[in-house]
Amino acid sequence: MKVMAFFLSMGLATATSAETIHFTTEDYPPYNYRQGNGYSGAGYKQVVELMKYVDADYTVELMPWARAFALAETEGNTCVFTTAHIPERNDRFKWVEPLAIDRNFMIARKGSGVRVNNDEEAKRYVVGTQRDDYTEDLLERNGFPKIDLATDLNLTLKKLVAGRIDLMPISEKFYMKLKKEGNPVEAQYIFSKQTFSIACNINFPEQLHLSMQEGLNRIMADGTQARLLQEEGLGGLGETTDEFPKQ
């Protein structure tokens, strides 16, 4: 395995070989995030480990989600993680999975007075999410009439706390992190459950795709995946919090 390169503020470097894989991702803890001069997170760490079994150079760059996602759709040797595998995306990528299984909560600002128990009740309110996120697809598919789109997750969260939107869907694990940090948010109901994956361009070389899946299979089988999920407070694959957060 050749040495990995990190690119934090500059664009991706020119490929060193025809087999260089470009990974894109976003700041979405605990799955992917900046740490010092590098990156960390349950998704990122799994990419590093599985690539030990793949005969290719690779780069990783963290960027806004819409750009990360678009590059994987348009650039042949590009993959984006940590990506929810939902029906609308099934035929648009080649998938390496699972990195994790997670739920989404629909959340409101604490003290806002918003109380909803299901999608139909939530449709009365303005629901925010980030542009090109899988939750945008879910909201549209389920017929939410008032969707507010922002450029990134943090901006959506700021809108929620400021009262500019009423609700937003968010990963269960990210929600628990926000609560632990003292953010004024509260869960309303379970909005969705999804598999998080690596999504590679539809024209991504098939042999590399198979090698990456085999690498992931290996770190699942030897316990590495479970250890990395535990390190980020995610429990085992598919585990969720013991109890739905109280209002």
Protein backbone atom coordinates (compact mmCIF):
# COMPACT_ATOMS: atom_id res chain seq x y z
CA MET A 1 0.00 0.00 0.00
CA LYS A 2 1.43 3.32 -1.00
CA VAL A 3 1.60 6.29 1.33
CA MET A 4 -1.64 8.19 1.82
CA ALA A 5 -1.81 11.94 1.29
CA PHE A 6 -3.92 14.47 3.20
CA PHE A 7 -5.29 17.62 1.57
CA LEU A 8 -6.93 19.98 4.01
CA SER A 9 -7.29 23.38 2.41
CA MET A 10 -6.00 22.83 -1.14
CA GLY A 11 -7.70 20.92 -3.92
CA LEU A 12 -6.94 17.28 -4.66
CA ALA A 13 -3.46 16.78 -6.01
CA THR A 14 -2.80 15.38 -9.45
CA ALA A 15 -3.12 11.60 -9.41
CA THR A 16 0.20 9.83 -9.01
CA SER A 17 -1.06 6.84 -10.98
CA ALA A 18 -4.04 5.69 -13.01
CA GLU A 19 -5.22 3.78 -9.95
CA THR A 20 -5.37 6.71 -7.52
CA ILE A 21 -8.70 6.81 -5.70
CA HIS A 22 -10.01 10.19 -4.57
CA PHE A 23 -12.20 10.07 -1.47
CA THR A 24 -14.36 13.05 -0.59
CA THR A 25 -16.18 13.57 2.69
CA GLU A 26 -17.74 16.22 4.93
CA ASP A 27 -17.46 17.44 8.51
CA TYR A 28 -20.07 15.19 10.15
CA PRO A 29 -18.93 13.86 13.53
CA PRO A 30 -18.60 11.20 14.76
CA TYR A 31 -18.29 9.72 11.27
CA ASN A 32 -15.88 12.22 9.65
CA TYR A 33 -14.26 15.35 11.05
CA ARG A 34 -11.07 17.38 11.21
CA GLN A 35 -8.57 16.58 13.95
CA GLY A 36 -5.47 18.75 14.13
CA ASN A 37 -3.84 18.67 10.71
CA GLY A 38 -5.65 15.53 9.67
CA TYR A 39 -8.98 13.75 9.81
CA SER A 40 -10.68 11.28 12.10
CA GLY A 41 -14.04 9.62 12.67
CA ALA A 42 -15.63 6.18 12.40
CA GLY A 43 -16.11 6.41 8.64
CA TYR A 44 -12.70 7.90 7.94
CA LYS A 45 -10.87 5.35 10.08
CA GLN A 46 -12.57 2.48 8.29
CA VAL A 47 -11.51 3.87 4.92
CA VAL A 48 -7.90 3.99 6.12
CA GLU A 49 -8.07 0.39 7.37
CA LEU A 50 -9.83 -1.15 4.36
CA MET A 51 -7.46 0.58 1.93
CA LYS A 52 -4.60 -1.46 3.41
CA TYR A 53 -6.03 -4.31 1.34
CA VAL A 54 -6.34 -2.33 -1.89
CA ASP A 55 -3.43 -1.94 -4.33
CA ALA A 56 -3.95 1.74 -5.11
CA ASP A 57 -2.88 5.20 -4.03
CA TYR A 58 -5.60 7.35 -2.52
CA THR A 59 -6.33 10.84 -1.28
CA VAL A 60 -8.96 12.15 1.14
CA GLU A 61 -10.41 15.65 1.19
CA LEU A 62 -13.03 17.11 3.51
CA MET A 63 -15.32 19.70 1.92
CA PRO A 64 -18.95 20.88 1.87
CA TRP A 65 -21.28 17.94 1.33
CA ALA A 66 -22.85 19.14 -1.94
CA ARG A 67 -19.41 19.39 -3.56
CA ALA A 68 -18.21 16.07 -2.08
CA PHE A 69 -21.30 14.31 -3.40
CA ALA A 70 -21.17 15.98 -6.82
CA LEU A 71 -17.53 15.01 -7.38
CA ALA A 72 -18.33 11.36 -6.71
CA GLU A 73 -21.14 11.54 -9.27
CA THR A 74 -19.03 13.16 -11.97
CA GLU A 75 -15.43 11.96 -11.48
CA GLY A 76 -14.69 8.36 -12.41
CA ASN A 77 -12.12 7.54 -9.69
CA THR A 78 -13.93 9.36 -6.87
CA CYS A 79 -15.86 7.95 -3.90
CA VAL A 80 -17.77 9.83 -1.21
CA PHE A 81 -18.36 8.80 2.40
CA THR A 82 -20.10 8.50 4.83
CA THR A 83 -23.08 8.24 2.44
CA ALA A 84 -26.58 7.01 3.22
CA HIS A 85 -27.63 4.24 0.84
CA ILE A 86 -31.23 5.09 0.05
CA PRO A 87 -33.38 3.90 -2.90
CA GLU A 88 -33.06 7.18 -4.80
CA ARG A 89 -29.28 6.72 -4.93
CA ASN A 90 -29.11 2.99 -5.57
CA ASP A 91 -28.31 3.08 -9.30
CA ARG A 92 -26.24 6.26 -9.20
CA PHE A 93 -23.17 4.74 -7.51
CA LYS A 94 -21.21 1.59 -6.86
CA TRP A 95 -21.49 0.84 -3.13
CA VAL A 96 -19.02 -0.38 -0.51
CA GLU A 97 -20.91 -1.17 2.68
CA PRO A 98 -21.80 -1.09 5.50
CA LEU A 99 -19.70 1.42 7.39
CA ALA A 100 -22.47 1.83 9.97
CA ILE A 101 -26.21 1.59 10.47
CA ASP A 102 -27.86 4.59 12.06
CA ARG A 103 -31.21 6.21 12.75
CA ASN A 104 -32.30 9.78 12.16
CA PHE A 105 -34.31 11.74 14.70
CA MET A 106 -36.54 14.64 13.80
CA ILE A 107 -35.50 17.31 16.29
CA ALA A 108 -36.76 20.72 17.41
CA ARG A 109 -35.29 23.57 19.44
CA LYS A 110 -35.77 22.96 23.14
CA GLY A 111 -38.55 25.15 24.48
CA SER A 112 -39.94 25.94 21.01
CA GLY A 113 -43.30 24.37 21.80
CA VAL A 114 -43.12 22.15 18.72
CA ARG A 115 -44.44 18.67 19.46
CA VAL A 116 -44.76 16.12 16.66
CA ASN A 117 -44.92 12.34 16.70
CA ASN A 118 -44.79 11.42 13.02
CA ASP A 119 -44.27 12.72 9.49
CA GLU A 120 -47.85 13.86 9.01
CA GLU A 121 -47.71 16.10 12.07
CA ALA A 122 -44.24 17.38 11.11
CA LYS A 123 -45.47 18.45 7.65
CA ARG A 124 -47.22 21.42 9.27
CA TYR A 125 -43.81 22.94 10.06
CA VAL A 126 -40.77 24.25 8.22
CA VAL A 127 -38.17 21.48 8.15
CA GLY A 128 -34.54 22.30 7.38
CA THR A 129 -31.68 20.21 6.04
CA GLN A 130 -28.53 20.65 3.98
CA ARG A 131 -28.69 20.74 0.20
CA ASP A 132 -28.04 17.40 -1.58
CA ASP A 133 -28.12 15.48 1.70
CA TYR A 134 -30.03 12.19 1.68
CA THR A 135 -32.50 13.70 4.15
CA GLU A 136 -33.52 16.16 1.41
CA ASP A 137 -34.48 13.15 -0.73
CA LEU A 138 -36.37 11.57 2.18
CA LEU A 139 -38.28 14.75 2.92
CA GLU A 140 -39.24 15.20 -0.72
CA ARG A 141 -40.22 11.54 -1.13
CA ASN A 142 -42.44 11.72 1.94
CA GLY A 143 -44.20 14.85 0.71
CA PHE A 144 -42.93 17.50 3.13
CA PRO A 145 -44.23 20.79 1.69
CA LYS A 146 -41.99 23.28 3.53
CA ILE A 147 -38.32 22.35 3.16
CA ASP A 148 -35.59 24.87 3.95
CA LEU A 149 -32.22 24.06 2.36
CA ALA A 150 -28.86 25.31 3.65
CA THR A 151 -25.33 24.82 2.39
CA ASP A 152 -24.24 22.72 5.36
CA LEU A 153 -25.46 21.00 8.49
CA ASN A 154 -24.12 23.60 10.91
CA LEU A 155 -26.05 26.38 9.19
CA THR A 156 -29.25 24.33 9.42
CA LEU A 157 -28.61 23.78 13.12
CA LYS A 158 -28.04 27.51 13.64
CA LYS A 159 -31.37 28.23 11.91
CA LEU A 160 -33.11 25.75 14.20
CA VAL A 161 -31.66 27.25 17.38
CA ALA A 162 -32.48 30.77 16.15
CA GLY A 163 -36.10 29.81 15.44
CA ARG A 164 -35.83 30.38 11.68
CA ILE A 165 -36.91 26.76 11.05
CA ASP A 166 -39.01 24.47 13.23
CA LEU A 167 -37.55 21.01 12.73
CA MET A 168 -34.59 19.18 11.22
CA PRO A 169 -33.67 15.51 10.77
CA ILE A 170 -30.31 14.52 12.21
CA SER A 171 -28.29 11.38 12.89
CA GLU A 172 -29.04 9.82 16.25
CA LYS A 173 -25.36 9.79 17.16
CA PHE A 174 -24.87 13.42 16.16
CA TYR A 175 -27.96 14.31 18.18
CA MET A 176 -26.54 12.60 21.27
CA LYS A 177 -23.29 14.54 20.76
CA LEU A 178 -25.20 17.82 20.56
CA LYS A 179 -27.11 17.00 23.74
CA LYS A 180 -23.90 16.11 25.56
CA GLU A 181 -22.43 19.46 24.54
CA GLY A 182 -25.45 21.27 25.97
CA ASN A 183 -27.10 22.37 22.73
CA PRO A 184 -30.80 23.32 23.16
CA VAL A 185 -32.31 20.54 21.04
CA GLU A 186 -34.84 17.80 21.71
CA ALA A 187 -35.86 14.72 19.75
CA GLN A 188 -39.43 14.41 18.50
CA TYR A 189 -39.63 11.01 16.78
CA ILE A 190 -37.57 8.53 14.74
CA PHE A 191 -37.57 9.84 11.17
CA SER A 192 -35.58 7.14 9.35
CA LYS A 193 -33.08 4.32 9.56
CA GLN A 194 -30.27 4.00 7.04
CA THR A 195 -27.09 2.18 6.09
CA PHE A 196 -24.02 4.41 5.81
CA SER A 197 -21.65 3.44 3.01
CA ILE A 198 -18.92 4.49 0.59
CA ALA A 199 -20.49 5.59 -2.71
CA CYS A 200 -18.20 5.40 -5.74
CA ASN A 201 -18.77 6.83 -9.20
CA ILE A 202 -20.88 4.56 -11.40
CA ASN A 203 -17.88 4.20 -13.77
CA PHE A 204 -15.45 3.43 -10.93
CA PRO A 205 -13.11 0.55 -11.92
CA GLU A 206 -14.86 -2.67 -10.98
CA GLN A 207 -11.73 -4.44 -9.74
CA LEU A 208 -11.01 -1.59 -7.34
CA HIS A 209 -14.64 -1.65 -6.22
CA LEU A 210 -14.44 -5.37 -5.46
CA SER A 211 -11.09 -4.93 -3.68
CA MET A 212 -12.52 -2.19 -1.48
CA GLN A 213 -15.52 -4.31 -0.55
CA GLU A 214 -13.23 -7.21 0.27
CA GLY A 215 -11.13 -4.87 2.43
CA LEU A 216 -14.22 -3.77 4.32
CA ASN A 217 -15.34 -7.39 4.69
CA ARG A 218 -11.98 -8.21 6.25
CA ILE A 219 -12.06 -5.44 8.83
CA MET A 220 -15.61 -6.45 9.72
CA ALA A 221 -14.56 -10.09 10.15
CA ASP A 222 -11.47 -9.41 12.27
CA GLY A 223 -13.24 -7.02 14.67
CA THR A 224 -11.56 -3.83 13.46
CA GLN A 225 -14.82 -2.20 12.39
CA ALA A 226 -16.45 -2.90 15.76
CA ARG A 227 -13.42 -1.44 17.56
CA LEU A 228 -13.43 1.73 15.46
CA LEU A 229 -17.15 2.25 15.98
CA GLN A 230 -16.66 1.83 19.73
CA GLU A 231 -13.79 4.35 19.70
CA GLU A 232 -16.19 6.98 18.34
CA GLY A 233 -18.94 6.11 20.81
CA LEU A 234 -21.09 4.37 18.19
CA GLY A 235 -21.38 0.93 19.74
CA GLY A 236 -21.46 -2.11 17.51
CA LEU A 237 -22.77 -2.13 13.95
CA GLY A 238 -26.45 -1.31 14.05
CA GLU A 239 -26.55 -0.54 17.76
CA THR A 240 -28.50 2.51 18.87
CA THR A 241 -29.09 4.24 22.16
CA ASP A 242 -30.88 2.14 24.75
CA GLU A 243 -33.78 4.53 25.10
CA PHE A 244 -35.34 7.17 22.89
CA PRO A 245 -34.41 10.57 24.36
CA LYS A 246 -37.01 12.00 26.71
CA GLN A 247 -38.63 15.32 25.84
